[in-house]
Structures are given as C-alpha cells and as structure tokens.
Amino acid sequence: MYKPEVNNTTSKIVKGLEEWADESAHSSRFASFYLDLLKIQADVESITGIPAVGLPQELIDHRMLNGQSLARFEELDIDWSLANETLNKLAVLFKQYSDALQGYGKLQTEKMPELDANLAQEWLNGASLTAEAEKADILPSEMATLVHQTMRPFLTGYALAFQKRIRQQSWRRGNCPVCSSSPSFSYLEKENGARYLVCSCCSMEWLFQRLDCPFCHNTDQKALSYQTDEKGVYRLYVCDKCKRYLKAIDLRKTEGDVNLSLEAIITADLDLQARELGYTSGENYLVETDEQ
C-alpha cells in the first residue's frame, strides 16, 4: 500500500508566522486570521501528504511544451469528503473574521456548494462560480477565494510531486506549470540572481525571465520598473501597461533559510504601498484584509 510522503509546506509557514508575530509584537486580526487559516490547511496537508503522480513522463513533457498546466482534477486522487469538510471550516472562519476581511459578512455558511472534481476544475479553469456564490450570498470572486484556499493544501502536495519531474527550461510562462494560478511572490536566487516566481496556490516555484511582466508579458523596459527598500532585500515590481505588481525578495542579500510563502504574507506593507501607487495584485483570489 502506497504511503504518501510528508508534506509540511504550510506547517513551516505557521511556525514562521508565529515567530514573526512574537518578535514584532504583531497581535492584529491580520496575523490571527492567517494563523487560523494556515492551521486548517496544515492539518489537511498532514493527512494528504505528497501523493503519487501516475502520469507518464512523456505526457508531462508534452503538456509543458504546449503550455498546458499539469493538474487535472479527474486525474488527481483527491479526498472530496475532506475537501468539503475543509471548505465548510473555511467558510465559518472567513465569516468569523468578516470584520477584518473585505466581504463575507453576509456569507451563508450553511449554503456552501458541494465540492467535487467538476466544480474544482471549473474554478481552476477560471470560470465564474456565479450560481454557487449567489446561493451563499457572496460575490463570485469571494466564492473563488474560498475554493482556492480549500484546494491549496491538496495542490501543494501535488506541486512537490510534480517538481521532481518537470524541466524548468520548458516553461517560461507567467502562470504556474502545475495549477495555472498566478504568482503571489518572486525571488532572485543566490547564485546569479535568476528570477523565480512562486505560485499563489500550490507554492510551486518556476524560472521566469527578469525583464517581463508575468501578468501581461509586457517587455517594454520603459513600462517596467521596481522599487526597493533601504537594504535592497525586498523589491516591488510594477508594470505600467497592466498596472499590476509583484513582490520579490533578493536572496543574494539575505542570510539563512527564507520561507517564501511566509514572506508573501508578512510583506503586507508592500501590498499597501503598491495600491497607494495605483497598482493591483496579479495574484489569484488574494485574501484582502482591512489592514492591507
């Protein structure tokens, strides 16, 4: 019987966020919400682990060469009972924090949709979940956020499984090669400063060209720029063509291990800075709080 490998992607974020909150005396609703959210997701990851991927290497290579993301829910071994349990837990959580989140105050938690492979695939393909949202009395974008956060701990395991089998050079696109989501963060690696994007959903990392907007593929250097902090550790990349932004960290200027998904959360001040400048996040289904 196959026993999945351990997936501790989110448990590491929880530990880091707790340490960050203690060190910075950050006891806000922002930190509390994310800790509660991540603990639910970490519990799911502890159950599902890193699953086996049965796709032949030829099919993986074919999809990547043709710009097709790898995840297909009809091909993934998802425990849909656990997925629905998670969706309902998250609905209750989001309503509990509706004072700090944008939306969810009127969410009818008892009217959440039945999550299955078909609905999850619709979400993954970018379909508007209008009927499901109307039933629960929230916006389609808010329903998509709930489904996104529900499927995230399942997809992080598959990202780790696929990561061992993909060829980075065959994918230079702005969306994730595993689940097709947009990046939430990026980094410049220590060796030569190559830029990698980090998926907003499954945390997959992939190589991407420096002078290119991952959201609209604008390569006009006059319309691309970035701002940085005093130490040059963090960067805020902005595109004046699509008015999107992307946060980044320069690992050449850091010491020790860096948890990229944690950095995407605790750099909320960069999100605020970008919005004040008139740019919007390119991240799929960003959970927005009043403190961002």
Protein backbone atom coordinates (compact mmCIF):
# COMPACT_ATOMS: atom_id res chain seq x y z
CA MET A 1 0.00 0.00 0.00
CA TYR A 2 1.36 3.39 -1.00
CA LYS A 3 2.08 5.68 1.94
CA PRO A 4 2.40 9.35 0.91
CA GLU A 5 5.47 11.33 1.88
CA VAL A 6 5.08 14.07 4.47
CA ASN A 7 4.02 17.49 3.21
CA ASN A 8 4.91 20.18 5.76
CA THR A 9 4.69 23.17 3.41
CA THR A 10 2.14 25.06 5.49
CA SER A 11 3.21 23.90 8.95
CA LYS A 12 6.53 25.67 8.30
CA ILE A 13 4.64 28.86 7.43
CA VAL A 14 2.60 28.57 10.64
CA LYS A 15 5.77 28.28 12.72
CA GLY A 16 7.38 31.22 10.94
CA LEU A 17 4.27 33.39 11.25
CA GLU A 18 4.02 32.66 14.97
CA GLU A 19 7.68 33.63 15.44
CA TRP A 20 7.19 36.77 13.35
CA ALA A 21 4.13 37.80 15.39
CA ASP A 22 6.04 37.27 18.66
CA GLU A 23 9.18 39.09 17.54
CA SER A 24 7.31 42.06 16.06
CA ALA A 25 4.61 42.13 18.75
CA HIS A 26 2.15 41.87 15.88
CA SER A 27 -1.11 40.80 17.51
CA SER A 28 -3.51 42.10 14.87
CA ARG A 29 -6.55 40.46 13.34
CA PHE A 30 -4.44 40.13 10.18
CA ALA A 31 -1.97 37.77 11.88
CA SER A 32 -4.71 35.94 13.79
CA PHE A 33 -6.72 35.27 10.63
CA TYR A 34 -3.77 33.93 8.68
CA LEU A 35 -2.67 31.71 11.57
CA ASP A 36 -6.14 30.18 11.85
CA LEU A 37 -6.36 29.75 8.06
CA LEU A 38 -2.94 28.16 7.76
CA LYS A 39 -3.52 25.78 10.68
CA ILE A 40 -6.61 24.38 8.94
CA GLN A 41 -4.61 23.95 5.72
CA ALA A 42 -1.65 22.41 7.56
CA ASP A 43 -3.96 19.80 9.09
CA VAL A 44 -5.14 18.83 5.60
CA GLU A 45 -1.56 18.57 4.33
CA SER A 46 -0.66 16.31 7.27
CA ILE A 47 -3.39 13.91 6.09
CA THR A 48 -2.81 14.03 2.34
CA GLY A 49 0.99 14.26 2.26
CA ILE A 50 2.81 14.17 -1.07
CA PRO A 51 0.74 11.90 -3.33
CA ALA A 52 1.97 9.66 -6.09
CA VAL A 53 1.70 11.04 -9.63
CA GLY A 54 0.82 8.36 -12.15
CA LEU A 55 1.21 10.45 -15.31
CA PRO A 56 3.87 9.17 -17.71
CA GLN A 57 6.86 11.45 -18.22
CA GLU A 58 6.02 11.80 -21.92
CA LEU A 59 2.63 13.32 -21.08
CA ILE A 60 4.15 15.71 -18.53
CA ASP A 61 6.73 16.88 -21.08
CA HIS A 62 4.06 17.20 -23.79
CA ARG A 63 1.80 19.37 -21.65
CA MET A 64 4.60 21.68 -20.58
CA LEU A 65 5.95 22.11 -24.09
CA ASN A 66 2.43 23.04 -25.21
CA GLY A 67 1.83 25.50 -22.39
CA GLN A 68 -0.64 23.26 -20.57
CA SER A 69 -0.60 23.14 -16.77
CA LEU A 70 -0.25 19.66 -15.28
CA ALA A 71 -3.07 19.40 -12.74
CA ARG A 72 -6.37 17.87 -13.87
CA PHE A 73 -8.73 17.07 -11.03
CA GLU A 74 -10.10 14.00 -12.78
CA GLU A 75 -6.52 12.64 -12.71
CA LEU A 76 -5.77 13.58 -9.09
CA ASP A 77 -6.57 11.42 -6.09
CA ILE A 78 -8.50 13.98 -4.00
CA ASP A 79 -10.45 13.05 -0.88
CA TRP A 80 -13.57 15.08 -1.72
CA SER A 81 -15.14 14.36 1.66
CA LEU A 82 -12.12 16.01 3.30
CA ALA A 83 -12.25 18.82 0.74
CA ASN A 84 -15.89 19.59 1.59
CA GLU A 85 -15.15 19.46 5.30
CA THR A 86 -12.32 21.93 4.73
CA LEU A 87 -14.50 24.23 2.61
CA ASN A 88 -17.11 24.40 5.37
CA LYS A 89 -14.47 25.09 8.03
CA LEU A 90 -13.04 27.91 5.93
CA ALA A 91 -16.50 29.41 5.33
CA VAL A 92 -17.04 29.60 9.09
CA LEU A 93 -13.56 31.07 9.56
CA PHE A 94 -13.99 33.74 6.89
CA LYS A 95 -17.32 34.80 8.36
CA GLN A 96 -15.77 34.89 11.83
CA TYR A 97 -13.21 37.39 10.54
CA SER A 98 -15.66 39.35 8.37
CA ASP A 99 -14.88 42.45 10.45
CA ALA A 100 -11.31 42.36 9.10
CA LEU A 101 -11.86 40.80 5.66
CA GLN A 102 -13.38 42.54 2.68
CA GLY A 103 -16.73 40.80 2.21
CA TYR A 104 -18.07 37.61 3.83
CA GLY A 105 -20.26 39.42 6.36
CA LYS A 106 -23.44 38.05 4.74
CA LEU A 107 -21.97 34.64 3.91
CA GLN A 108 -24.50 31.85 4.40
CA THR A 109 -22.15 29.19 5.75
CA GLU A 110 -24.84 26.50 5.64
CA LYS A 111 -25.28 27.01 1.88
CA MET A 112 -21.80 26.17 0.65
CA PRO A 113 -21.71 24.19 -2.64
CA GLU A 114 -20.82 20.52 -2.88
CA LEU A 115 -17.20 20.50 -3.96
CA ASP A 116 -16.27 17.79 -6.45
CA ALA A 117 -13.85 17.32 -9.35
CA ASN A 118 -16.15 19.15 -11.80
CA LEU A 119 -16.60 22.25 -9.64
CA ALA A 120 -12.92 22.32 -8.71
CA GLN A 121 -11.96 22.09 -12.39
CA GLU A 122 -14.32 24.96 -13.22
CA TRP A 123 -12.57 27.06 -10.59
CA LEU A 124 -9.14 26.01 -11.86
CA ASN A 125 -10.16 26.96 -15.43
CA GLY A 126 -11.16 30.43 -14.25
CA ALA A 127 -14.93 30.02 -14.59
CA SER A 128 -17.11 32.41 -12.60
CA LEU A 129 -18.80 30.49 -9.79
CA THR A 130 -21.86 32.72 -10.04
CA ALA A 131 -24.60 30.25 -9.09
CA GLU A 132 -22.67 28.94 -6.08
CA ALA A 133 -21.87 32.48 -4.93
CA GLU A 134 -25.45 33.69 -5.23
CA LYS A 135 -26.70 30.78 -3.13
CA ALA A 136 -24.20 31.59 -0.38
CA ASP A 137 -24.88 35.37 -0.69
CA ILE A 138 -21.32 36.39 -1.58
CA LEU A 139 -19.59 37.63 -4.72
CA PRO A 140 -18.23 35.13 -7.28
CA SER A 141 -14.70 36.35 -6.51
CA GLU A 142 -15.24 35.63 -2.83
CA MET A 143 -16.52 32.13 -3.58
CA ALA A 144 -13.46 31.58 -5.79
CA THR A 145 -11.25 32.63 -2.88
CA LEU A 146 -12.89 30.04 -0.62
CA VAL A 147 -12.44 27.28 -3.21
CA HIS A 148 -8.86 28.44 -3.83
CA GLN A 149 -7.96 28.27 -0.15
CA THR A 150 -9.72 24.90 0.17
CA MET A 151 -7.84 23.29 -2.70
CA ARG A 152 -4.49 24.85 -1.79
CA PRO A 153 -3.36 22.18 0.75
CA PHE A 154 -4.26 19.43 -1.70
CA LEU A 155 -2.36 21.07 -4.55
CA THR A 156 0.79 21.86 -2.52
CA GLY A 157 1.40 18.13 -2.24
CA TYR A 158 1.00 17.63 -5.97
CA ALA A 159 3.33 20.57 -6.64
CA LEU A 160 6.05 18.84 -4.62
CA ALA A 161 5.39 15.61 -6.51
CA PHE A 162 5.48 17.28 -9.94
CA GLN A 163 8.50 19.41 -9.05
CA LYS A 164 10.73 16.36 -9.28
CA ARG A 165 9.58 15.60 -12.81
CA ILE A 166 9.38 18.91 -14.67
CA ARG A 167 12.03 20.55 -16.78
CA GLN A 168 12.27 24.22 -15.80
CA GLN A 169 13.67 25.31 -19.16
CA SER A 170 10.48 24.18 -20.95
CA TRP A 171 8.21 26.59 -19.05
CA ARG A 172 8.77 30.34 -19.13
CA ARG A 173 5.17 31.43 -18.63
CA GLY A 174 3.61 33.76 -16.08
CA ASN A 175 1.19 31.18 -14.73
CA CYS A 176 2.03 28.13 -12.61
CA PRO A 177 3.03 24.98 -14.53
CA VAL A 178 1.15 22.80 -12.02
CA CYS A 179 -2.18 24.54 -11.32
CA SER A 180 -2.08 27.53 -13.70
CA SER A 181 -2.54 30.07 -10.88
CA SER A 182 -0.80 33.45 -10.89
CA PRO A 183 2.31 34.09 -8.78
CA SER A 184 1.96 35.67 -5.34
CA PHE A 185 5.66 36.30 -4.83
CA SER A 186 9.02 36.01 -6.53
CA TYR A 187 12.68 35.83 -5.67
CA LEU A 188 16.14 36.39 -7.11
CA GLU A 189 18.20 33.30 -6.35
CA LYS A 190 21.58 33.49 -4.65
CA GLU A 191 23.78 32.08 -7.42
CA ASN A 192 23.31 34.55 -10.28
CA GLY A 193 20.14 36.49 -9.49
CA ALA A 194 17.85 34.49 -11.78
CA ARG A 195 14.19 35.29 -11.11
CA TYR A 196 11.77 32.62 -9.93
CA LEU A 197 8.03 33.02 -9.44
CA VAL A 198 6.10 31.45 -6.54
CA CYS A 199 2.55 30.20 -7.13
CA SER A 200 -0.24 31.82 -5.12
CA CYS A 201 -1.99 28.47 -4.71
CA CYS A 202 0.31 25.45 -4.69
CA SER A 203 3.60 27.25 -3.83
CA MET A 204 5.34 25.82 -6.92
CA GLU A 205 8.47 27.75 -7.95
CA TRP A 206 9.47 28.23 -11.58
CA LEU A 207 12.08 30.11 -13.56
CA PHE A 208 11.00 33.30 -15.32
CA GLN A 209 12.78 35.99 -17.27
CA ARG A 210 13.74 39.20 -15.45
CA LEU A 211 12.52 41.82 -17.95
CA ASP A 212 8.99 40.54 -18.46
CA CYS A 213 5.67 41.14 -16.71
CA PRO A 214 4.27 37.71 -15.73
CA PHE A 215 0.70 39.04 -15.94
CA CYS A 216 0.60 40.71 -19.38
CA HIS A 217 4.02 39.75 -20.80
CA ASN A 218 4.98 43.36 -21.36
CA THR A 219 8.70 43.53 -22.17
CA ASP A 220 8.94 47.29 -22.74
CA GLN A 221 11.62 48.34 -20.25
CA LYS A 222 10.16 51.87 -20.16
CA ALA A 223 6.92 50.45 -18.73
CA LEU A 224 8.60 48.09 -16.26
CA SER A 225 10.25 49.19 -13.04
CA TYR A 226 10.78 48.26 -9.43
CA GLN A 227 11.21 49.93 -6.08
CA THR A 228 13.30 48.57 -3.25
CA ASP A 229 13.81 49.07 0.47
CA GLU A 230 16.89 50.70 2.00
CA LYS A 231 18.77 47.41 2.33
CA GLY A 232 17.78 46.21 -1.14
CA VAL A 233 16.31 42.99 0.23
CA TYR A 234 12.73 43.49 -0.95
CA ARG A 235 11.53 44.64 -4.34
CA LEU A 236 8.18 45.79 -5.66
CA TYR A 237 7.96 45.11 -9.39
CA VAL A 238 5.33 47.16 -11.23
CA CYS A 239 4.04 47.18 -14.79
CA ASP A 240 2.62 50.40 -16.22
CA LYS A 241 0.90 48.54 -19.04
CA CYS A 242 -1.42 46.29 -16.98
CA LYS A 243 -0.98 48.22 -13.68
CA ARG A 244 -0.17 45.03 -11.76
CA TYR A 245 2.53 44.50 -9.18
CA LEU A 246 4.58 41.60 -7.85
CA LYS A 247 6.57 41.44 -4.62
CA ALA A 248 10.05 39.92 -4.54
CA ILE A 249 12.97 39.16 -2.25
CA ASP A 250 16.62 39.21 -3.30
CA LEU A 251 18.16 36.10 -1.73
CA ARG A 252 21.63 37.38 -2.54
CA LYS A 253 21.11 39.86 0.29
CA THR A 254 19.67 37.51 2.90
CA GLU A 255 21.21 35.06 5.35
CA GLY A 256 19.91 31.65 6.35
CA ASP A 257 16.78 29.94 5.12
CA VAL A 258 13.89 32.04 3.78
CA ASN A 259 10.31 30.78 3.70
CA LEU A 260 8.96 32.35 0.53
CA SER A 261 5.27 31.72 1.24
CA LEU A 262 5.71 33.30 4.67
CA GLU A 263 7.40 36.33 3.10
CA ALA A 264 4.40 36.73 0.80
CA ILE A 265 2.20 37.15 3.89
CA ILE A 266 4.34 39.31 6.18
CA THR A 267 5.20 41.83 3.44
CA ALA A 268 1.65 43.20 3.50
CA ASP A 269 3.09 46.71 3.76
CA LEU A 270 4.35 46.31 0.19
CA ASP A 271 0.82 45.45 -0.94
CA LEU A 272 -0.44 48.64 0.68
CA GLN A 273 2.36 50.66 -0.91
CA ALA A 274 1.55 49.27 -4.35
CA ARG A 275 -2.15 50.02 -4.04
CA GLU A 276 -1.45 53.56 -2.91
CA LEU A 277 0.56 53.96 -6.13
CA GLY A 278 -2.39 52.73 -8.19
CA TYR A 279 -1.33 49.15 -8.90
CA THR A 280 -3.35 45.98 -8.22
CA SER A 281 -2.21 42.50 -7.29
CA GLY A 282 -1.91 39.96 -10.06
CA GLU A 283 -2.37 37.15 -7.54
CA ASN A 284 -5.37 34.87 -7.99
CA TYR A 285 -8.01 35.22 -5.26
CA LEU A 286 -5.98 37.39 -2.91
CA VAL A 287 -7.36 37.35 0.63
CA GLU A 288 -7.66 41.04 1.41
CA THR A 289 -7.90 42.38 4.95
CA ASP A 290 -8.60 45.90 6.09
CA GLU A 291 -5.01 46.11 7.33
CA GLN A 292 -3.51 45.60 3.90
